[in-house]
N, C-alpha and C. Protein backbone atom coordinates (compact mmCIF):
# COMPACT_ATOMS: atom_id res chain seq x y z
N MET A 1 9.58 -5.40 22.83
CA MET A 1 10.33 -4.22 21.85
C MET A 1 8.98 -3.01 21.89
N ASP A 2 9.43 -2.44 21.95
CA ASP A 2 8.48 -1.09 22.69
C ASP A 2 8.41 -1.08 20.78
N THR A 3 6.76 0.37 20.88
CA THR A 3 6.12 0.13 19.29
C THR A 3 7.39 1.17 17.68
N GLU A 4 8.19 2.46 19.25
CA GLU A 4 8.54 3.40 18.09
C GLU A 4 9.49 1.98 16.99
N SER A 5 10.12 0.83 18.35
CA SER A 5 11.84 0.33 17.23
C SER A 5 10.71 -0.67 16.90
N THR A 6 9.81 -1.32 16.81
CA THR A 6 9.03 -2.08 15.94
C THR A 6 8.52 -1.77 14.40
N ARG A 7 8.03 -0.20 14.36
CA ARG A 7 7.70 1.02 13.31
C ARG A 7 8.99 0.91 12.43
N GLN A 8 10.33 0.89 13.42
CA GLN A 8 11.50 1.19 12.21
C GLN A 8 12.19 -0.84 11.22
N GLU A 9 11.41 -0.90 12.44
CA GLU A 9 11.81 -2.74 11.70
C GLU A 9 11.17 -2.86 10.73
N VAL A 10 9.82 -2.20 11.13
CA VAL A 10 8.90 -2.29 9.82
C VAL A 10 9.36 -1.80 8.45
N LYS A 11 9.44 -0.52 8.81
CA LYS A 11 10.24 0.49 7.67
C LYS A 11 11.19 -0.23 7.42
N ARG A 12 11.77 -0.75 7.99
CA ARG A 12 13.28 -1.26 7.21
C ARG A 12 12.70 -2.73 6.27
N ALA A 13 12.70 -3.41 6.68
CA ALA A 13 11.77 -4.59 5.95
C ALA A 13 11.14 -3.96 5.19
N VAL A 14 10.28 -3.36 4.44
CA VAL A 14 9.41 -3.09 3.57
C VAL A 14 11.24 -2.22 3.11
N ALA A 15 11.63 -0.78 3.20
CA ALA A 15 12.28 -0.42 2.08
C ALA A 15 12.82 -1.42 1.47
N GLY A 16 13.94 -2.21 2.41
CA GLY A 16 14.47 -2.74 1.46
C GLY A 16 14.71 -3.87 0.38
N VAL A 17 13.19 -4.73 0.67
CA VAL A 17 12.32 -5.22 -1.13
C VAL A 17 12.60 -3.62 -1.91
N THR A 18 11.88 -2.98 -1.34
CA THR A 18 11.27 -1.84 -2.69
C THR A 18 12.70 -1.46 -3.20
N THR A 19 13.23 -0.66 -2.02
CA THR A 19 14.60 0.10 -2.38
C THR A 19 16.07 -1.11 -4.07
N LYS A 20 15.70 -2.66 -3.38
CA LYS A 20 16.39 -3.88 -4.24
C LYS A 20 15.52 -3.44 -5.53
N ALA A 21 14.27 -3.45 -5.47
CA ALA A 21 13.29 -3.45 -6.79
C ALA A 21 13.72 -2.28 -8.24
N PHE A 22 13.02 -1.45 -7.21
CA PHE A 22 13.27 0.26 -7.80
C PHE A 22 14.88 0.23 -8.81
N ASN A 23 16.31 -0.02 -7.86
CA ASN A 23 17.27 -0.37 -7.94
C ASN A 23 17.70 -1.23 -9.46
N ALA A 24 16.98 -2.04 -9.41
CA ALA A 24 17.20 -2.85 -10.73
C ALA A 24 16.07 -3.78 -11.48
N PRO A 25 14.68 -2.20 -12.04
CA PRO A 25 13.91 -3.24 -12.04
C PRO A 25 13.55 -3.77 -13.67
N ASP A 26 14.57 -4.25 -14.03
CA ASP A 26 14.41 -5.00 -15.51
C ASP A 26 15.33 -6.57 -15.25
N ALA A 27 15.81 -6.43 -14.62
CA ALA A 27 16.69 -7.53 -13.66
C ALA A 27 15.42 -8.62 -13.07
N SER A 28 16.15 -9.66 -13.93
CA SER A 28 15.78 -11.53 -13.39
C SER A 28 15.33 -11.82 -12.39
N SER A 29 16.37 -11.35 -11.70
CA SER A 29 15.79 -11.13 -9.54
C SER A 29 15.02 -10.87 -9.52
N THR A 30 14.46 -9.06 -10.06
CA THR A 30 13.51 -8.08 -9.34
C THR A 30 12.58 -8.78 -10.02
N LYS A 31 12.22 -8.56 -11.20
CA LYS A 31 10.82 -9.32 -11.09
C LYS A 31 11.11 -11.34 -11.05
N ALA A 32 11.29 -12.18 -10.75
CA ALA A 32 11.16 -12.76 -9.97
C ALA A 32 10.92 -13.16 -8.79
N LEU A 33 11.42 -12.01 -8.06
CA LEU A 33 11.27 -11.52 -6.53
C LEU A 33 9.63 -10.54 -6.26
N LEU A 34 9.84 -10.41 -7.46
CA LEU A 34 7.72 -9.14 -7.24
C LEU A 34 6.36 -10.24 -7.90
N ALA A 35 7.62 -11.69 -8.85
CA ALA A 35 6.84 -12.64 -8.74
C ALA A 35 5.51 -13.50 -7.80
N LYS A 36 7.45 -13.83 -7.61
CA LYS A 36 6.85 -15.23 -5.36
C LYS A 36 6.14 -13.75 -4.17
N LEU A 37 6.11 -12.06 -5.05
CA LEU A 37 5.15 -11.61 -3.73
C LEU A 37 4.37 -11.87 -4.12
N ARG A 38 3.81 -11.76 -5.84
CA ARG A 38 2.00 -11.83 -6.13
C ARG A 38 2.10 -12.88 -5.25
N ARG A 39 2.02 -14.00 -5.43
CA ARG A 39 2.22 -15.50 -4.68
C ARG A 39 1.41 -15.61 -3.22
N GLY A 40 1.46 -14.12 -2.88
CA GLY A 40 1.01 -14.49 -1.28
C GLY A 40 -0.18 -12.87 -0.86
N ALA A 41 -0.08 -12.07 -2.12
CA ALA A 41 -1.39 -11.22 -2.20
C ALA A 41 -3.31 -12.04 -2.05
N GLY A 42 -3.23 -11.11 -0.96
CA GLY A 42 -4.97 -11.51 -0.56
C GLY A 42 -4.71 -12.51 0.43
N LYS A 43 -3.14 -13.11 0.79
CA LYS A 43 -2.80 -14.47 1.36
C LYS A 43 -2.99 -13.99 3.42
N PRO A 44 -3.46 -14.97 3.90
CA PRO A 44 -2.29 -14.27 5.45
C PRO A 44 -0.83 -14.57 5.67
N PRO A 45 0.19 -13.89 5.67
CA PRO A 45 1.64 -13.91 6.91
C PRO A 45 1.50 -15.25 6.91
N GLY A 46 2.44 -16.24 6.33
CA GLY A 46 2.35 -17.62 7.11
C GLY A 46 1.59 -18.61 6.50
N GLU A 47 0.90 -18.41 5.01
CA GLU A 47 0.53 -19.03 3.78
C GLU A 47 1.25 -19.20 3.16
N VAL A 48 1.67 -18.40 3.14
CA VAL A 48 2.49 -19.25 1.08
C VAL A 48 4.12 -19.08 1.69
N PRO A 49 4.86 -20.46 2.25
CA PRO A 49 6.66 -20.17 2.93
C PRO A 49 7.41 -19.63 2.00
N GLU A 50 6.83 -19.82 0.63
CA GLU A 50 8.14 -19.24 -0.12
C GLU A 50 8.55 -17.75 -0.41
N ILE A 51 7.56 -17.11 0.52
CA ILE A 51 7.95 -15.54 0.51
C ILE A 51 8.26 -15.04 2.39
N PHE A 52 9.07 -16.03 3.07
CA PHE A 52 9.17 -15.86 4.50
C PHE A 52 10.34 -14.65 4.49
N GLU A 53 11.00 -15.54 3.34
CA GLU A 53 12.87 -14.94 3.49
C GLU A 53 12.61 -13.36 3.09
N LEU A 54 10.81 -12.55 2.49
CA LEU A 54 11.52 -11.47 2.14
C LEU A 54 10.01 -10.81 2.96
N THR A 55 9.03 -11.59 3.61
CA THR A 55 8.68 -11.15 4.60
C THR A 55 8.85 -10.55 5.47
N LEU A 56 8.68 -12.17 6.12
CA LEU A 56 9.22 -11.97 7.47
C LEU A 56 10.54 -11.95 7.97
N GLY A 57 11.73 -12.21 7.27
CA GLY A 57 13.31 -12.60 7.22
C GLY A 57 14.23 -11.03 7.70
N ASN A 58 13.37 -10.06 6.89
CA ASN A 58 14.40 -8.94 7.75
C ASN A 58 13.90 -8.30 9.27
N LEU A 59 12.44 -9.16 9.51
CA LEU A 59 12.07 -8.36 11.20
C LEU A 59 12.97 -9.26 12.45
N SER A 60 12.86 -8.99 13.70
CA SER A 60 13.40 -9.62 14.24
C SER A 60 12.38 -10.69 15.23
N GLU A 61 12.87 -12.01 15.11
CA GLU A 61 12.03 -13.08 16.30
C GLU A 61 11.14 -12.80 17.13
N SER A 62 11.69 -10.80 17.63
CA SER A 62 10.43 -10.49 18.90
C SER A 62 9.32 -9.14 17.79
N ALA A 63 8.92 -9.82 17.28
CA ALA A 63 8.08 -8.56 16.40
C ALA A 63 6.93 -9.38 16.15
N ASN A 64 6.36 -8.68 17.03
CA ASN A 64 4.45 -8.46 17.26
C ASN A 64 4.14 -8.98 15.74
N PRO A 65 2.88 -10.10 15.66
CA PRO A 65 1.64 -10.69 14.48
C PRO A 65 1.65 -9.38 14.22
N GLN A 66 1.58 -7.64 14.49
CA GLN A 66 0.43 -6.58 13.75
C GLN A 66 1.76 -6.20 12.84
N ALA A 67 3.60 -5.93 13.11
CA ALA A 67 4.32 -6.11 11.62
C ALA A 67 4.79 -7.10 10.73
N GLU A 68 4.05 -8.50 11.48
CA GLU A 68 4.34 -9.18 10.33
C GLU A 68 3.49 -9.15 8.62
N ASN A 69 2.14 -8.25 10.06
CA ASN A 69 0.66 -7.69 9.22
C ASN A 69 1.19 -6.88 7.78
N ALA A 70 2.20 -5.75 9.06
CA ALA A 70 2.13 -5.42 7.55
C ALA A 70 3.09 -5.13 6.48
N VAL A 71 4.22 -6.36 6.46
CA VAL A 71 5.20 -6.38 5.55
C VAL A 71 4.57 -6.88 5.39
N HIS A 72 3.86 -8.32 5.16
CA HIS A 72 3.23 -9.30 4.45
C HIS A 72 2.30 -8.13 3.12
N ILE A 73 1.62 -6.91 4.08
CA ILE A 73 0.35 -6.50 3.16
C ILE A 73 1.32 -6.03 2.04
N ALA A 74 1.82 -4.53 2.95
CA ALA A 74 2.89 -4.15 2.10
C ALA A 74 3.32 -4.80 1.01
N LEU A 75 4.02 -5.51 0.96
CA LEU A 75 4.88 -5.99 0.11
C LEU A 75 4.47 -7.41 -1.16
N THR A 76 3.80 -7.75 -1.05
CA THR A 76 2.79 -8.59 -1.41
C THR A 76 1.57 -7.32 -2.41
N LEU A 77 1.19 -6.37 -1.74
CA LEU A 77 0.83 -4.91 -2.66
C LEU A 77 1.53 -4.58 -3.31
N PHE A 78 2.72 -3.76 -2.93
CA PHE A 78 3.89 -3.63 -3.59
C PHE A 78 4.28 -4.60 -4.89
N ALA A 79 4.42 -5.49 -5.18
CA ALA A 79 4.26 -6.34 -5.85
C ALA A 79 3.47 -6.43 -7.10
N VAL A 80 2.22 -6.29 -6.66
CA VAL A 80 0.94 -6.13 -7.67
C VAL A 80 1.48 -4.55 -8.93
N GLN A 81 1.56 -4.05 -7.31
CA GLN A 81 1.03 -2.54 -8.05
C GLN A 81 1.83 -2.33 -9.48
N GLN A 82 3.41 -3.25 -9.01
CA GLN A 82 4.63 -2.68 -10.12
C GLN A 82 4.32 -3.90 -10.75
N GLN A 83 3.62 -5.08 -11.22
CA GLN A 83 3.40 -6.16 -12.32
C GLN A 83 3.10 -4.88 -13.59
N GLY A 84 4.15 -5.42 -14.52
CA GLY A 84 3.55 -4.50 -15.68
C GLY A 84 4.26 -3.33 -15.91
N LYS A 85 5.22 -2.98 -14.38
CA LYS A 85 6.05 -1.34 -14.90
C LYS A 85 7.30 -1.29 -14.85
N ARG A 86 7.89 -0.19 -14.64
CA ARG A 86 9.17 -0.16 -14.63
C ARG A 86 9.75 0.56 -13.43
N GLY A 87 9.82 0.06 -12.10
CA GLY A 87 10.36 0.40 -11.32
C GLY A 87 10.00 2.07 -10.60
N ASN A 88 8.77 2.10 -10.41
CA ASN A 88 7.28 3.13 -10.42
C ASN A 88 8.26 3.55 -9.15
N ASN A 89 8.03 4.58 -8.91
CA ASN A 89 9.39 5.02 -7.13
C ASN A 89 8.60 5.27 -6.37
N GLY A 90 7.79 4.79 -5.83
CA GLY A 90 6.21 5.09 -4.91
C GLY A 90 6.96 6.34 -3.42
N SER A 91 6.35 7.73 -4.11
CA SER A 91 6.25 8.47 -3.55
C SER A 91 5.13 9.86 -3.43
N VAL A 92 3.47 8.77 -3.21
CA VAL A 92 2.79 9.39 -3.18
C VAL A 92 2.06 8.32 -1.85
N LYS A 93 1.63 9.84 -0.98
CA LYS A 93 0.52 8.53 -0.08
C LYS A 93 -0.25 7.86 -0.84
N PHE A 94 -1.07 6.73 -0.06
CA PHE A 94 -1.95 5.94 -0.07
C PHE A 94 -3.64 6.51 -0.66
N GLY A 95 -3.91 6.98 0.46
CA GLY A 95 -5.71 8.21 0.24
C GLY A 95 -5.13 8.81 -0.74
N ARG A 96 -3.78 9.69 -1.46
CA ARG A 96 -3.67 10.56 -2.28
C ARG A 96 -3.70 9.76 -4.13
N ALA A 97 -2.90 8.94 -3.82
CA ALA A 97 -3.30 8.18 -5.39
C ALA A 97 -4.00 7.39 -5.42
N VAL A 98 -5.59 6.99 -4.65
CA VAL A 98 -6.57 6.45 -4.69
C VAL A 98 -7.79 8.05 -5.43
N ARG A 99 -7.28 9.31 -4.88
CA ARG A 99 -7.84 10.14 -5.55
C ARG A 99 -7.28 10.63 -7.13
N GLN A 100 -5.91 10.73 -7.47
CA GLN A 100 -5.52 10.46 -8.27
C GLN A 100 -6.83 9.58 -9.70
N ILE A 101 -6.64 7.82 -8.84
CA ILE A 101 -7.85 7.64 -10.09
C ILE A 101 -9.67 8.14 -9.83
N ALA A 102 -9.40 8.60 -8.76
CA ALA A 102 -10.84 8.82 -8.78
C ALA A 102 -11.45 9.26 -9.30
N THR A 103 -10.63 11.02 -9.09
CA THR A 103 -10.41 12.40 -10.34
C THR A 103 -9.71 12.92 -11.10
N GLY A 104 -9.56 11.15 -12.40
CA GLY A 104 -9.08 11.48 -13.47
C GLY A 104 -7.76 11.89 -13.69
N GLU A 105 -6.68 12.30 -12.78
CA GLU A 105 -5.65 12.74 -13.08
C GLU A 105 -4.63 11.40 -13.52
N THR A 106 -5.16 10.14 -13.85
CA THR A 106 -3.83 9.66 -14.55
C THR A 106 -5.15 9.28 -16.27
N ASN A 107 -4.40 8.15 -16.40
CA ASN A 107 -4.59 7.78 -17.37
C ASN A 107 -5.95 6.41 -17.98
N ALA A 108 -6.00 6.34 -16.34
CA ALA A 108 -6.77 5.22 -16.29
C ALA A 108 -8.34 5.84 -16.33
N GLU A 109 -8.87 4.30 -16.95
CA GLU A 109 -10.80 4.22 -17.23
C GLU A 109 -10.93 3.89 -16.23
N VAL A 110 -11.08 4.47 -15.19
CA VAL A 110 -11.71 4.15 -13.88
C VAL A 110 -12.61 4.83 -13.64
N ALA A 111 -14.73 4.48 -13.15
CA ALA A 111 -15.24 5.11 -12.71
C ALA A 111 -15.25 5.92 -11.54
N SER A 112 -15.23 7.31 -10.78
CA SER A 112 -15.16 7.67 -10.13
C SER A 112 -15.89 6.92 -8.70
N ASP A 113 -16.85 7.40 -8.88
CA ASP A 113 -18.47 6.84 -7.74
C ASP A 113 -17.58 5.62 -7.26
N GLY A 114 -17.14 4.07 -7.98
CA GLY A 114 -15.90 3.42 -7.77
C GLY A 114 -15.76 2.84 -6.97
N VAL A 115 -14.79 3.75 -7.38
CA VAL A 115 -13.12 4.20 -6.49
C VAL A 115 -13.82 4.85 -5.24
N THR A 116 -14.57 5.89 -5.23
CA THR A 116 -14.90 6.44 -3.67
C THR A 116 -15.15 5.50 -3.01
N LYS A 117 -16.58 4.30 -3.15
CA LYS A 117 -17.22 3.66 -3.00
C LYS A 117 -16.11 2.51 -2.06
N ARG A 118 -15.26 2.16 -2.75
CA ARG A 118 -14.09 1.62 -2.74
C ARG A 118 -12.98 1.37 -1.39
N PHE A 119 -13.39 3.35 -2.03
CA PHE A 119 -12.04 3.59 -0.86
C PHE A 119 -12.81 3.80 0.55
N ASN A 120 -14.32 4.80 0.64
CA ASN A 120 -15.26 4.09 1.71
C ASN A 120 -15.05 2.88 2.00
N THR A 121 -15.14 1.62 1.97
CA THR A 121 -15.13 0.51 2.16
C THR A 121 -13.30 0.33 3.16
N VAL A 122 -12.53 0.75 2.80
CA VAL A 122 -11.92 0.10 3.07
C VAL A 122 -11.13 1.44 4.52
N LEU A 123 -12.16 2.82 4.65
CA LEU A 123 -11.75 3.26 5.82
C LEU A 123 -13.07 2.15 7.01
N THR A 124 -13.34 1.69 6.59
CA THR A 124 -14.70 1.52 7.31
C THR A 124 -14.43 0.00 7.73
N ALA A 125 -13.17 -0.95 7.33
CA ALA A 125 -12.48 -2.13 7.50
C ALA A 125 -12.54 -2.46 8.80
N GLY A 126 -13.07 -3.44 9.26
CA GLY A 126 -13.41 -3.98 10.99
C GLY A 126 -12.00 -5.44 11.25
N SER A 127 -11.12 -5.57 10.45
CA SER A 127 -10.15 -6.60 10.66
C SER A 127 -9.12 -5.85 9.65
N ILE A 128 -8.38 -8.02 9.95
CA ILE A 128 -6.65 -7.04 9.06
C ILE A 128 -7.08 -7.70 7.60
N THR A 129 -7.34 -8.13 8.18
CA THR A 129 -7.63 -9.36 6.43
C THR A 129 -9.22 -8.58 5.76
N GLU A 130 -9.83 -7.73 6.83
CA GLU A 130 -10.79 -6.97 5.18
C GLU A 130 -10.60 -5.81 4.65
N LEU A 131 -9.68 -5.13 5.62
CA LEU A 131 -8.77 -4.17 4.76
C LEU A 131 -8.15 -4.41 3.69
N SER A 132 -7.16 -5.49 4.39
CA SER A 132 -6.03 -6.10 2.86
C SER A 132 -6.78 -6.49 1.33
N VAL A 133 -7.87 -7.09 2.31
CA VAL A 133 -9.39 -7.42 0.47
C VAL A 133 -9.18 -6.51 -0.13
N HIS A 134 -9.50 -5.75 0.30
CA HIS A 134 -10.88 -3.97 -0.26
C HIS A 134 -9.27 -3.41 -0.89
N VAL A 135 -8.86 -3.25 0.30
CA VAL A 135 -7.20 -2.36 -0.21
C VAL A 135 -6.53 -2.67 -1.46
N ARG A 136 -5.82 -4.32 -1.16
CA ARG A 136 -5.40 -4.67 -3.40
C ARG A 136 -6.64 -4.77 -4.25
N GLY A 137 -7.81 -4.38 -3.68
CA GLY A 137 -8.54 -4.15 -4.86
C GLY A 137 -8.48 -2.44 -5.07
N LEU A 138 -8.20 -1.76 -4.60
CA LEU A 138 -7.34 -0.24 -4.89
C LEU A 138 -6.10 0.00 -5.39
N VAL A 139 -5.79 -1.02 -4.73
CA VAL A 139 -3.97 -1.05 -5.18
C VAL A 139 -4.36 -1.77 -7.04
N LYS A 140 -4.36 -2.13 -7.25
CA LYS A 140 -5.23 -2.94 -8.78
C LYS A 140 -5.36 -2.01 -9.58
N GLN A 141 -6.25 -0.90 -9.10
CA GLN A 141 -6.45 0.35 -9.64
C GLN A 141 -6.10 1.65 -9.36
N CYS A 142 -4.84 1.15 -8.55
CA CYS A 142 -4.12 2.12 -8.73
C CYS A 142 -2.78 1.83 -9.71
N LYS A 143 -2.76 1.11 -10.46
CA LYS A 143 -1.31 0.85 -11.09
C LYS A 143 -0.88 1.91 -11.99
N GLU A 144 -2.11 3.25 -12.83
CA GLU A 144 -1.88 3.92 -13.63
C GLU A 144 -1.56 4.92 -12.46
N ALA A 145 -1.51 5.16 -11.41
CA ALA A 145 -1.54 6.13 -10.92
C ALA A 145 -0.24 5.94 -10.53
N ALA A 146 0.17 7.60 -10.02
CA ALA A 146 1.13 7.43 -9.75
C ALA A 146 1.97 6.30 -8.38
N GLY A 147 3.06 5.81 -7.95
CA GLY A 147 3.28 4.87 -7.75
C GLY A 147 3.52 5.00 -5.67
N ILE A 148 2.55 3.78 -4.57
CA ILE A 148 2.29 4.15 -4.12
C ILE A 148 3.57 4.25 -3.62
N ASP A 149 3.39 4.83 -2.24
CA ASP A 149 5.04 4.86 -0.89
C ASP A 149 4.50 3.23 0.38
N PHE A 150 4.58 2.38 -0.28
CA PHE A 150 5.00 1.53 0.15
C PHE A 150 5.23 1.67 1.76
N VAL A 151 6.88 2.21 2.14
CA VAL A 151 7.31 3.09 2.98
C VAL A 151 6.42 2.42 4.70
N GLU A 152 5.70 3.99 4.19
CA GLU A 152 5.10 5.13 4.97
C GLU A 152 3.14 3.70 5.22
N PHE A 153 3.10 3.50 3.69
CA PHE A 153 1.82 2.49 3.42
C PHE A 153 2.01 1.07 5.15
N ALA A 154 3.20 1.09 4.65
CA ALA A 154 3.15 -0.46 5.71
C ALA A 154 3.13 0.42 6.94
N LEU A 155 3.68 1.05 7.49
CA LEU A 155 3.64 1.47 9.00
C LEU A 155 2.35 2.42 9.28
N ASP A 156 1.66 2.76 7.73
CA ASP A 156 0.33 3.01 8.29
C ASP A 156 -0.62 1.74 8.68
N LEU A 157 -0.09 0.44 7.86
CA LEU A 157 -0.82 -0.92 8.33
C LEU A 157 -0.51 -1.06 9.75
N TYR A 158 0.86 -1.08 9.81
CA TYR A 158 0.99 -1.70 11.41
C TYR A 158 -0.19 -0.77 12.18
N ASP A 159 -0.09 0.57 12.06
CA ASP A 159 -0.57 1.67 13.18
C ASP A 159 -2.60 1.50 13.20
N TRP A 160 -2.59 1.38 11.54
CA TRP A 160 -4.01 0.38 12.22
C TRP A 160 -3.99 -0.73 12.77
N GLN A 161 -3.58 -1.26 12.77
CA GLN A 161 -4.09 -2.34 13.91
C GLN A 161 -4.04 -1.58 15.10
N PHE A 162 -3.47 -1.03 15.91
CA PHE A 162 -3.82 0.01 16.40
C PHE A 162 -4.88 0.74 16.77
N ASP A 163 -4.81 1.26 16.02
CA ASP A 163 -5.84 2.47 16.44
C ASP A 163 -6.86 2.73 14.92
N LYS A 164 -7.23 1.61 14.11
CA LYS A 164 -8.43 2.51 12.90
C LYS A 164 -8.71 3.52 12.45
N GLU A 165 -9.55 4.43 13.25
CA GLU A 165 -9.63 5.21 13.65
C GLU A 165 -8.74 6.59 13.36
N SER A 166 -7.82 6.05 13.28
CA SER A 166 -6.66 7.83 13.61
C SER A 166 -6.29 7.44 11.70
N ILE A 167 -5.96 6.22 11.43
CA ILE A 167 -5.28 5.85 9.84
C ILE A 167 -6.61 6.11 9.39
N ALA A 168 -7.43 5.72 9.34
CA ALA A 168 -8.87 6.10 9.03
C ALA A 168 -9.07 7.71 8.09
N GLN A 169 -8.75 8.45 9.64
CA GLN A 169 -8.56 9.97 9.08
C GLN A 169 -7.87 10.63 8.39
N LYS A 170 -6.20 9.68 8.30
CA LYS A 170 -5.13 9.88 8.08
C LYS A 170 -5.56 9.86 6.25
N TRP A 171 -6.20 8.64 6.30
CA TRP A 171 -6.01 8.45 4.89
C TRP A 171 -7.41 9.10 4.25
N GLY A 172 -8.45 9.33 4.70
CA GLY A 172 -9.44 10.00 4.11
C GLY A 172 -8.40 11.75 4.20
N ARG A 173 -8.52 12.87 4.62
CA ARG A 173 -7.61 13.80 4.59
C ARG A 173 -6.74 13.44 3.39
N GLU A 174 -5.79 12.14 3.37
CA GLU A 174 -4.90 12.06 1.77
C GLU A 174 -6.82 12.44 1.03
N PHE A 175 -6.80 11.47 0.96
CA PHE A 175 -7.99 11.83 -0.39
C PHE A 175 -8.40 12.62 -0.60
N TRP A 176 -9.76 13.36 0.74
CA TRP A 176 -10.22 13.97 -0.23
C TRP A 176 -9.58 15.91 -0.21
N GLN A 177 -8.42 16.55 0.91
CA GLN A 177 -7.36 17.44 0.68
C GLN A 177 -7.49 17.96 -0.10
N LEU A 178 -7.48 19.10 -0.79
CA LEU A 178 -7.49 19.83 -1.89
C LEU A 178 -6.31 20.40 -1.88
N THR A 179 -5.79 20.53 -2.81
CA THR A 179 -4.69 20.37 -4.03
C THR A 179 -4.18 22.01 -4.04
N LYS A 180 -3.04 22.09 -4.29
CA LYS A 180 -2.59 23.59 -4.68
C LYS A 180 -3.59 24.15 -6.09
N SER A 181 -4.45 22.93 -7.14
CA SER A 181 -4.00 22.52 -8.51
C SER A 181 -5.63 22.82 -8.15
N THR A 182 -6.62 22.62 -7.15
CA THR A 182 -7.42 22.08 -7.14
C THR A 182 -8.24 23.79 -7.26
N LYS A 183 -9.57 23.84 -8.14
CA LYS A 183 -10.48 25.42 -8.15
C LYS A 183 -11.77 24.94 -7.54
N ILE A 184 -11.92 25.98 -6.68
CA ILE A 184 -13.05 26.38 -6.19
C ILE A 184 -14.06 26.97 -6.47
N GLU A 185 -14.71 26.77 -7.12
CA GLU A 185 -15.98 27.51 -8.25
C GLU A 185 -17.62 27.17 -7.56
N GLY A 186 -17.75 28.23 -6.86
CA GLY A 186 -19.23 27.80 -6.46
C GLY A 186 -19.66 26.48 -5.24
N ASP A 187 -20.34 25.61 -6.33
CA ASP A 187 -20.48 24.19 -5.30
C ASP A 187 -19.69 23.52 -6.32
N ASN A 188 -19.29 23.51 -7.12
CA ASN A 188 -18.66 22.57 -8.07
C ASN A 188 -16.56 23.06 -7.75
N ILE A 189 -16.32 21.59 -7.43
CA ILE A 189 -14.90 20.83 -7.04
C ILE A 189 -14.12 20.83 -8.68
N GLN A 190 -13.12 21.38 -9.27
CA GLN A 190 -12.48 21.04 -10.73
C GLN A 190 -11.27 20.63 -10.56
């Protein structure tokens, strides 16, 4: 299977589950689905068989391990971020959501230095396992931010496994990019 068709498979697999959760956030079936996915957070694909239907079930038999990793990590972290929320539809890129926490654009009480340090650790992760551990910590902190676009995030995770530097640069741009509302006065960015 070629890379682009695999990327589309990853996109469909994640979108199917996230859309279902957004369409019925208060349904007991949605709450059960998210609770089940959370049990897989921080664990490798294949270690929690009760979530295979959700994480692997929408991928073809020819899907590669990188696709399985991307879908598993994205969906389990989606469930972590949704805990205690009411269907926060994800529309914010990963780096931008982290920036919202680091710069205090939300009501979260998180020290910006700690968030920035953790984000930099994500950018320099050496393996998908290491990346998922550090990203999980940030996603927990991003609960107060606008919802992360987990479909795009899954594609980033898939691509990261082939080209870490490009995805690190993409996330870095999302994090450090000045927004229209950002003012530059002298050396101070506000």
